[in-house]
């Protein structure tokens, strides 16, 4: 029997509220937020009808540098793409009831909108967040040596 274990999540959606950066007692940065992700589905009763959409609201937590990045550059309504894993926690509440929480632990976060598109989403994006400019990257890709025939390939 195979010993296959895979827990990988990729989500792209919009923040439902401004992310709030917090610190653990030991000083580690953490941010929790909800990501609204649209899901398309076909109604059982609709023959030939267009697909419908429904939003899923997914709890996400990010730690350390990823948490700082999200809290610095994203606001309510911002489009955000995260990759990470699903984690389930259990604890006992004040009444002694066992509680469960399932959330995505984000390892990476990426911009989805351009600066202009982000500014149009509820007016949330502003240059005061000092987002990195994509124009600062090298304009040309490095040049590679061209091979004349396939015989020059090492494999």
N, C-alpha and C. Protein backbone atom coordinates (compact mmCIF):
# COMPACT_ATOMS: atom_id res chain seq x y z
N UNK A 1 0.84 -1.19 0.00
CA UNK A 1 0.00 0.00 0.00
C UNK A 1 0.89 1.24 0.00
N UNK A 2 0.50 2.21 -0.79
CA UNK A 2 1.26 3.44 -0.90
C UNK A 2 1.12 4.29 0.36
N UNK A 3 2.17 5.01 0.65
CA UNK A 3 2.18 5.88 1.82
C UNK A 3 2.02 7.33 1.35
N UNK A 4 0.98 7.60 0.57
CA UNK A 4 0.77 8.90 -0.03
C UNK A 4 0.08 9.85 0.95
N UNK A 5 0.69 10.97 1.21
CA UNK A 5 0.11 12.03 2.03
C UNK A 5 0.33 13.34 1.31
N UNK A 6 -0.74 14.05 1.00
CA UNK A 6 -0.64 15.33 0.32
C UNK A 6 -1.68 16.26 0.89
N UNK A 7 -1.24 17.41 1.32
CA UNK A 7 -2.13 18.43 1.86
C UNK A 7 -1.70 19.76 1.28
N UNK A 8 -2.23 20.11 0.12
CA UNK A 8 -1.85 21.34 -0.59
C UNK A 8 -3.11 22.05 -1.03
N UNK A 9 -3.18 23.35 -0.75
CA UNK A 9 -4.35 24.15 -1.08
C UNK A 9 -3.89 25.37 -1.87
N UNK A 10 -4.63 25.72 -2.93
CA UNK A 10 -4.43 26.96 -3.66
C UNK A 10 -5.79 27.65 -3.72
N UNK A 11 -5.87 28.86 -3.17
CA UNK A 11 -7.11 29.62 -3.15
C UNK A 11 -6.87 31.02 -3.72
N UNK A 12 -7.80 31.47 -4.54
CA UNK A 12 -7.78 32.84 -5.02
C UNK A 12 -9.16 33.42 -4.78
N UNK A 13 -9.20 34.53 -4.06
CA UNK A 13 -10.48 35.15 -3.74
C UNK A 13 -10.26 36.57 -3.27
N UNK A 14 -11.25 37.09 -2.53
CA UNK A 14 -11.18 38.46 -2.03
C UNK A 14 -11.32 38.46 -0.52
N UNK A 15 -10.57 39.37 0.12
CA UNK A 15 -10.64 39.51 1.57
C UNK A 15 -11.99 40.09 1.97
N UNK A 16 -12.59 39.53 3.02
CA UNK A 16 -13.89 40.01 3.49
C UNK A 16 -13.75 41.15 4.49
N UNK A 17 -12.55 41.38 5.00
CA UNK A 17 -12.28 42.46 5.96
C UNK A 17 -10.79 42.78 5.92
N UNK A 18 -10.42 43.93 6.47
CA UNK A 18 -9.00 44.27 6.57
C UNK A 18 -8.30 43.25 7.46
N UNK A 19 -7.16 42.72 7.03
CA UNK A 19 -6.42 41.80 7.90
C UNK A 19 -5.78 42.57 9.05
N UNK A 20 -5.81 41.98 10.23
CA UNK A 20 -5.25 42.64 11.41
C UNK A 20 -4.06 41.83 11.91
N UNK A 21 -2.89 42.45 11.86
CA UNK A 21 -1.66 41.79 12.29
C UNK A 21 -1.61 41.75 13.82
N UNK A 22 -1.33 40.57 14.37
CA UNK A 22 -1.19 40.41 15.81
C UNK A 22 0.16 39.74 16.09
N UNK A 23 0.55 39.74 17.33
CA UNK A 23 1.80 39.10 17.76
C UNK A 23 1.48 38.06 18.83
N UNK A 24 2.13 36.92 18.75
CA UNK A 24 2.02 35.94 19.83
C UNK A 24 2.80 36.47 21.03
N UNK A 25 2.62 35.89 22.22
CA UNK A 25 3.40 36.33 23.38
C UNK A 25 4.91 36.28 23.14
N UNK A 26 5.35 35.37 22.26
CA UNK A 26 6.79 35.28 21.96
C UNK A 26 7.21 36.21 20.82
N UNK A 27 6.28 37.03 20.29
CA UNK A 27 6.63 38.02 19.28
C UNK A 27 6.51 37.57 17.85
N UNK A 28 5.88 36.44 17.57
CA UNK A 28 5.72 35.95 16.21
C UNK A 28 4.49 36.60 15.58
N UNK A 29 4.65 37.13 14.38
CA UNK A 29 3.55 37.78 13.66
C UNK A 29 2.56 36.74 13.15
N UNK A 30 1.26 37.05 13.30
CA UNK A 30 0.20 36.17 12.83
C UNK A 30 -0.96 37.03 12.36
N UNK A 31 -1.60 36.60 11.27
CA UNK A 31 -2.78 37.29 10.77
C UNK A 31 -3.82 36.23 10.39
N UNK A 32 -5.06 36.47 10.80
CA UNK A 32 -6.17 35.60 10.43
C UNK A 32 -7.15 36.41 9.61
N UNK A 33 -7.71 35.81 8.59
CA UNK A 33 -8.66 36.52 7.74
C UNK A 33 -9.55 35.50 7.05
N UNK A 34 -10.61 36.02 6.44
CA UNK A 34 -11.53 35.19 5.67
C UNK A 34 -11.42 35.56 4.21
N UNK A 35 -11.32 34.55 3.38
CA UNK A 35 -11.21 34.73 1.94
C UNK A 35 -12.51 34.26 1.31
N UNK A 36 -13.17 35.13 0.54
CA UNK A 36 -14.39 34.77 -0.19
C UNK A 36 -13.98 34.25 -1.55
N UNK A 37 -14.33 32.99 -1.82
CA UNK A 37 -13.95 32.34 -3.07
C UNK A 37 -15.22 31.87 -3.77
N UNK A 38 -15.43 32.31 -5.01
CA UNK A 38 -16.61 31.91 -5.76
C UNK A 38 -16.46 30.48 -6.26
N UNK A 39 -17.57 29.76 -6.21
CA UNK A 39 -17.63 28.38 -6.68
C UNK A 39 -18.78 28.30 -7.68
N UNK A 40 -18.47 27.79 -8.87
CA UNK A 40 -19.51 27.62 -9.89
C UNK A 40 -20.12 26.24 -9.77
N UNK A 41 -21.43 26.18 -10.03
CA UNK A 41 -22.10 24.88 -10.03
C UNK A 41 -23.27 24.94 -10.99
N UNK A 42 -23.69 23.78 -11.43
CA UNK A 42 -24.83 23.66 -12.34
C UNK A 42 -26.01 23.16 -11.52
N UNK A 43 -27.12 23.87 -11.58
CA UNK A 43 -28.33 23.48 -10.86
C UNK A 43 -28.88 22.19 -11.46
N UNK A 44 -29.40 21.29 -10.60
CA UNK A 44 -29.97 20.02 -11.09
C UNK A 44 -31.20 20.25 -11.95
N UNK A 45 -31.97 21.29 -11.64
CA UNK A 45 -33.22 21.55 -12.34
C UNK A 45 -33.07 22.35 -13.61
N UNK A 46 -31.92 22.97 -13.82
CA UNK A 46 -31.75 23.88 -14.95
C UNK A 46 -31.12 23.16 -16.13
N UNK A 47 -31.93 22.87 -17.14
CA UNK A 47 -31.40 22.26 -18.36
C UNK A 47 -30.92 23.36 -19.29
N UNK A 48 -29.64 23.38 -19.57
CA UNK A 48 -29.07 24.37 -20.46
C UNK A 48 -28.92 25.75 -19.83
N UNK A 49 -29.23 25.88 -18.56
CA UNK A 49 -29.08 27.18 -17.90
C UNK A 49 -27.61 27.43 -17.59
N UNK A 50 -27.22 28.70 -17.55
CA UNK A 50 -25.81 29.00 -17.24
C UNK A 50 -25.46 28.56 -15.80
N UNK A 51 -24.18 28.33 -15.59
CA UNK A 51 -23.72 27.93 -14.26
C UNK A 51 -24.00 29.04 -13.27
N UNK A 52 -24.32 28.66 -12.05
CA UNK A 52 -24.55 29.61 -10.98
C UNK A 52 -23.31 29.72 -10.13
N UNK A 53 -23.21 30.81 -9.36
CA UNK A 53 -22.07 30.99 -8.47
C UNK A 53 -22.54 31.11 -7.04
N UNK A 54 -21.72 30.59 -6.16
CA UNK A 54 -21.96 30.72 -4.73
C UNK A 54 -20.61 30.96 -4.08
N UNK A 55 -20.56 31.84 -3.10
CA UNK A 55 -19.29 32.14 -2.44
C UNK A 55 -19.09 31.22 -1.25
N UNK A 56 -17.88 30.71 -1.13
CA UNK A 56 -17.46 30.00 0.07
C UNK A 56 -16.57 30.96 0.86
N UNK A 57 -16.75 31.00 2.16
CA UNK A 57 -15.97 31.88 3.03
C UNK A 57 -15.01 31.00 3.82
N UNK A 58 -13.72 31.12 3.50
CA UNK A 58 -12.71 30.19 4.02
C UNK A 58 -11.78 30.92 4.97
N UNK A 59 -11.64 30.35 6.16
CA UNK A 59 -10.75 30.92 7.17
C UNK A 59 -9.31 30.60 6.83
N UNK A 60 -8.46 31.63 6.90
CA UNK A 60 -7.04 31.48 6.56
C UNK A 60 -6.22 32.11 7.68
N UNK A 61 -5.09 31.51 8.00
CA UNK A 61 -4.14 32.08 8.95
C UNK A 61 -2.77 32.06 8.31
N UNK A 62 -2.00 33.11 8.53
CA UNK A 62 -0.64 33.19 8.01
C UNK A 62 0.29 33.62 9.14
N UNK A 63 1.52 33.16 9.09
CA UNK A 63 2.49 33.41 10.14
C UNK A 63 3.71 34.14 9.61
N UNK A 64 4.43 34.77 10.49
CA UNK A 64 5.73 35.40 10.25
C UNK A 64 5.72 36.36 9.06
N UNK A 65 6.65 36.21 8.13
CA UNK A 65 6.81 37.15 7.01
C UNK A 65 5.57 37.17 6.12
N UNK A 66 4.92 36.02 5.93
CA UNK A 66 3.71 35.98 5.11
C UNK A 66 2.61 36.81 5.76
N UNK A 67 2.49 36.73 7.07
CA UNK A 67 1.50 37.53 7.80
C UNK A 67 1.78 39.02 7.66
N UNK A 68 3.03 39.40 7.78
CA UNK A 68 3.40 40.81 7.65
C UNK A 68 3.13 41.32 6.24
N UNK A 69 3.43 40.51 5.23
CA UNK A 69 3.19 40.87 3.83
C UNK A 69 1.70 41.11 3.58
N UNK A 70 0.86 40.19 4.05
CA UNK A 70 -0.59 40.31 3.83
C UNK A 70 -1.14 41.54 4.54
N UNK A 71 -0.74 41.75 5.78
CA UNK A 71 -1.29 42.89 6.52
C UNK A 71 -0.82 44.22 5.95
N UNK A 72 0.33 44.23 5.32
CA UNK A 72 0.87 45.47 4.77
C UNK A 72 0.26 45.86 3.42
N UNK A 73 0.01 44.88 2.53
CA UNK A 73 -0.36 45.18 1.15
C UNK A 73 -1.82 44.91 0.79
N UNK A 74 -2.60 44.28 1.66
CA UNK A 74 -3.96 43.90 1.29
C UNK A 74 -4.98 44.50 2.25
N UNK A 75 -6.16 44.84 1.71
CA UNK A 75 -7.26 45.40 2.47
C UNK A 75 -8.55 44.71 2.06
N UNK A 76 -9.62 45.03 2.76
CA UNK A 76 -10.93 44.47 2.45
C UNK A 76 -11.22 44.64 0.96
N UNK A 77 -11.65 43.56 0.31
CA UNK A 77 -11.96 43.59 -1.12
C UNK A 77 -10.79 43.29 -2.02
N UNK A 78 -9.57 43.28 -1.48
CA UNK A 78 -8.39 42.99 -2.30
C UNK A 78 -8.42 41.55 -2.77
N UNK A 79 -8.02 41.35 -4.02
CA UNK A 79 -7.88 39.99 -4.55
C UNK A 79 -6.54 39.44 -4.08
N UNK A 80 -6.57 38.21 -3.61
CA UNK A 80 -5.40 37.58 -3.02
C UNK A 80 -5.39 36.11 -3.39
N UNK A 81 -4.21 35.59 -3.69
CA UNK A 81 -4.05 34.17 -3.95
C UNK A 81 -3.08 33.61 -2.91
N UNK A 82 -3.49 32.55 -2.22
CA UNK A 82 -2.63 31.93 -1.21
C UNK A 82 -2.43 30.45 -1.52
N UNK A 83 -1.28 29.94 -1.14
CA UNK A 83 -1.03 28.50 -1.18
C UNK A 83 -0.66 28.08 0.23
N UNK A 84 -1.04 26.88 0.58
CA UNK A 84 -0.75 26.40 1.92
C UNK A 84 -1.33 25.02 2.13
N UNK A 85 -1.79 24.75 3.35
CA UNK A 85 -2.34 23.45 3.70
C UNK A 85 -3.54 23.61 4.62
N UNK A 86 -4.37 22.59 4.69
CA UNK A 86 -5.53 22.58 5.57
C UNK A 86 -5.09 22.05 6.93
N UNK A 87 -5.55 22.71 7.97
CA UNK A 87 -5.22 22.29 9.34
C UNK A 87 -6.50 22.29 10.17
N UNK A 88 -6.66 21.29 11.01
CA UNK A 88 -7.79 21.20 11.91
C UNK A 88 -7.30 21.28 13.35
N UNK A 89 -7.95 22.14 14.15
CA UNK A 89 -7.59 22.30 15.57
C UNK A 89 -8.78 21.91 16.43
N UNK A 90 -8.50 21.43 17.63
CA UNK A 90 -9.55 21.15 18.61
C UNK A 90 -9.16 21.79 19.95
N UNK A 91 -10.17 22.21 20.70
CA UNK A 91 -9.95 22.77 22.03
C UNK A 91 -11.24 22.67 22.81
N UNK A 92 -11.15 22.91 24.13
CA UNK A 92 -12.33 22.95 24.98
C UNK A 92 -12.67 24.39 25.30
N UNK A 93 -13.95 24.76 25.12
CA UNK A 93 -14.34 26.13 25.43
C UNK A 93 -14.59 26.27 26.93
N UNK A 94 -15.01 27.46 27.36
CA UNK A 94 -15.21 27.76 28.78
C UNK A 94 -16.30 26.88 29.41
N UNK A 95 -17.24 26.39 28.59
CA UNK A 95 -18.31 25.51 29.10
C UNK A 95 -17.93 24.04 29.05
N UNK A 96 -16.70 23.74 28.66
CA UNK A 96 -16.23 22.35 28.61
C UNK A 96 -16.60 21.62 27.34
N UNK A 97 -17.17 22.32 26.37
CA UNK A 97 -17.54 21.71 25.09
C UNK A 97 -16.32 21.61 24.18
N UNK A 98 -16.20 20.50 23.48
CA UNK A 98 -15.11 20.33 22.52
C UNK A 98 -15.45 21.12 21.26
N UNK A 99 -14.52 21.97 20.82
CA UNK A 99 -14.71 22.80 19.63
C UNK A 99 -13.68 22.42 18.58
N UNK A 100 -14.08 22.63 17.32
CA UNK A 100 -13.22 22.31 16.19
C UNK A 100 -13.11 23.53 15.28
N UNK A 101 -11.98 23.69 14.65
CA UNK A 101 -11.80 24.72 13.63
C UNK A 101 -10.95 24.13 12.51
N UNK A 102 -11.41 24.35 11.30
CA UNK A 102 -10.63 23.95 10.12
C UNK A 102 -10.28 25.22 9.38
N UNK A 103 -9.00 25.38 9.06
CA UNK A 103 -8.54 26.59 8.39
C UNK A 103 -7.39 26.25 7.46
N UNK A 104 -7.14 27.18 6.56
CA UNK A 104 -6.00 27.05 5.66
C UNK A 104 -4.83 27.80 6.29
N UNK A 105 -3.69 27.15 6.39
CA UNK A 105 -2.47 27.80 6.86
C UNK A 105 -1.69 28.20 5.61
N UNK A 106 -1.62 29.52 5.37
CA UNK A 106 -1.00 30.03 4.15
C UNK A 106 0.51 30.07 4.29
N UNK A 107 1.20 29.44 3.34
CA UNK A 107 2.66 29.48 3.28
C UNK A 107 3.13 30.62 2.37
N UNK A 108 2.32 30.92 1.34
CA UNK A 108 2.66 31.96 0.37
C UNK A 108 1.42 32.79 0.08
N UNK A 109 1.63 34.06 -0.24
CA UNK A 109 0.54 34.94 -0.66
C UNK A 109 1.02 35.74 -1.85
N UNK A 110 0.12 35.93 -2.83
CA UNK A 110 0.49 36.62 -4.07
C UNK A 110 -0.55 37.64 -4.47
N UNK A 111 -0.08 38.71 -5.14
CA UNK A 111 -0.97 39.69 -5.73
C UNK A 111 -1.71 39.04 -6.88
N UNK A 112 -2.96 39.43 -7.08
CA UNK A 112 -3.73 38.98 -8.22
C UNK A 112 -4.04 40.17 -9.13
N UNK A 113 -4.49 41.27 -8.53
CA UNK A 113 -4.82 42.49 -9.28
C UNK A 113 -3.58 43.31 -9.56
N UNK A 114 -3.64 44.06 -10.65
CA UNK A 114 -2.61 45.07 -10.87
C UNK A 114 -2.91 46.24 -9.95
N UNK A 115 -1.99 47.20 -9.84
CA UNK A 115 -2.24 48.37 -8.99
C UNK A 115 -3.52 49.09 -9.41
N UNK A 116 -3.74 49.26 -10.71
CA UNK A 116 -4.92 49.97 -11.18
C UNK A 116 -6.20 49.21 -10.85
N UNK A 117 -6.21 47.89 -11.05
CA UNK A 117 -7.39 47.10 -10.73
C UNK A 117 -7.65 47.09 -9.23
N UNK A 118 -6.60 47.00 -8.43
CA UNK A 118 -6.77 46.97 -6.98
C UNK A 118 -7.36 48.27 -6.48
N UNK A 119 -6.99 49.38 -7.09
CA UNK A 119 -7.52 50.67 -6.69
C UNK A 119 -9.00 50.79 -6.97
N UNK A 120 -9.50 50.04 -7.95
CA UNK A 120 -10.91 50.11 -8.31
C UNK A 120 -11.78 49.29 -7.38
N UNK A 121 -11.20 48.38 -6.60
CA UNK A 121 -11.97 47.52 -5.72
C UNK A 121 -12.23 48.25 -4.41
N UNK A 122 -13.34 48.90 -4.32
CA UNK A 122 -13.74 49.55 -3.09
C UNK A 122 -12.79 50.66 -2.65
N UNK A 123 -11.91 51.11 -3.54
CA UNK A 123 -10.98 52.17 -3.17
C UNK A 123 -10.02 51.76 -2.08
N UNK A 124 -9.74 50.49 -1.96
CA UNK A 124 -8.95 50.02 -0.84
C UNK A 124 -7.45 50.14 -1.05
N UNK A 125 -6.99 50.08 -2.29
CA UNK A 125 -5.56 50.09 -2.54
C UNK A 125 -5.05 51.52 -2.61
N UNK A 126 -3.90 51.75 -2.03
CA UNK A 126 -3.30 53.08 -2.07
C UNK A 126 -1.79 52.91 -2.16
N UNK A 127 -1.12 53.84 -2.83
CA UNK A 127 0.33 53.78 -2.93
C UNK A 127 1.00 53.95 -1.58
N UNK A 128 0.25 54.37 -0.56
CA UNK A 128 0.85 54.54 0.77
C UNK A 128 1.25 53.20 1.37
N UNK A 129 0.79 52.08 0.78
CA UNK A 129 1.17 50.76 1.29
C UNK A 129 2.54 50.33 0.79
N UNK A 130 3.12 51.12 -0.10
CA UNK A 130 4.46 50.86 -0.63
C UNK A 130 4.61 49.47 -1.21
N UNK A 131 3.66 49.06 -2.02
CA UNK A 131 3.76 47.77 -2.67
C UNK A 131 4.92 47.78 -3.64
N UNK A 132 5.61 46.65 -3.81
CA UNK A 132 6.74 46.62 -4.73
C UNK A 132 6.29 46.87 -6.16
N UNK A 133 7.09 47.56 -6.89
CA UNK A 133 6.77 47.88 -8.27
C UNK A 133 7.33 46.78 -9.18
N UNK A 134 6.50 46.29 -10.08
CA UNK A 134 6.96 45.26 -10.99
C UNK A 134 7.93 45.81 -12.02
N UNK A 135 7.95 47.13 -12.19
CA UNK A 135 8.86 47.72 -13.16
C UNK A 135 10.30 47.69 -12.68
N UNK A 136 10.53 47.35 -11.41
CA UNK A 136 11.89 47.32 -10.89
C UNK A 136 12.63 46.03 -11.26
N UNK A 137 11.90 45.05 -11.83
CA UNK A 137 12.54 43.81 -12.23
C UNK A 137 13.23 44.00 -13.57
N UNK A 138 14.25 43.21 -13.88
CA UNK A 138 14.95 43.36 -15.16
C UNK A 138 13.99 43.21 -16.32
N UNK A 139 14.16 44.06 -17.32
CA UNK A 139 13.25 44.05 -18.47
C UNK A 139 13.49 42.85 -19.38
N UNK A 140 14.71 42.43 -19.53
CA UNK A 140 15.02 41.34 -20.46
C UNK A 140 15.44 40.09 -19.69
N UNK A 141 15.04 38.97 -20.23
CA UNK A 141 15.45 37.70 -19.64
C UNK A 141 16.91 37.44 -19.98
N UNK A 142 17.60 36.67 -19.15
CA UNK A 142 19.00 36.38 -19.47
C UNK A 142 19.10 35.61 -20.77
N UNK A 143 20.18 35.81 -21.50
CA UNK A 143 20.38 35.13 -22.78
C UNK A 143 21.02 33.77 -22.52
N UNK A 144 20.51 32.77 -23.23
CA UNK A 144 21.03 31.43 -23.11
C UNK A 144 21.74 31.04 -24.40
N UNK A 145 22.70 30.14 -24.28
CA UNK A 145 23.43 29.66 -25.45
C UNK A 145 22.52 28.80 -26.30
N UNK A 146 22.50 29.07 -27.60
CA UNK A 146 21.67 28.29 -28.50
C UNK A 146 22.45 27.06 -28.95
N UNK A 147 21.76 25.93 -28.98
CA UNK A 147 22.36 24.69 -29.46
C UNK A 147 22.00 24.52 -30.93
N UNK A 148 23.00 24.12 -31.72
CA UNK A 148 22.79 24.01 -33.16
C UNK A 148 22.01 22.74 -33.52
N UNK A 149 22.27 21.64 -32.83
CA UNK A 149 21.56 20.39 -33.11
C UNK A 149 21.25 19.71 -31.79
N UNK A 150 20.38 18.74 -31.88
CA UNK A 150 20.03 17.95 -30.68
C UNK A 150 21.21 17.10 -30.22
N UNK A 151 22.20 16.87 -31.11
CA UNK A 151 23.35 16.03 -30.75
C UNK A 151 24.19 16.68 -29.64
N UNK A 152 24.05 18.00 -29.47
CA UNK A 152 24.82 18.69 -28.44
C UNK A 152 24.21 18.55 -27.06
N UNK A 153 23.02 17.98 -26.96
CA UNK A 153 22.36 17.84 -25.65
C UNK A 153 23.06 16.78 -24.82
N UNK A 154 23.23 17.01 -23.51
CA UNK A 154 23.97 16.07 -22.67
C UNK A 154 23.18 14.84 -22.25
N UNK A 155 21.94 14.69 -22.71
CA UNK A 155 21.13 13.52 -22.28
C UNK A 155 20.53 12.80 -23.44
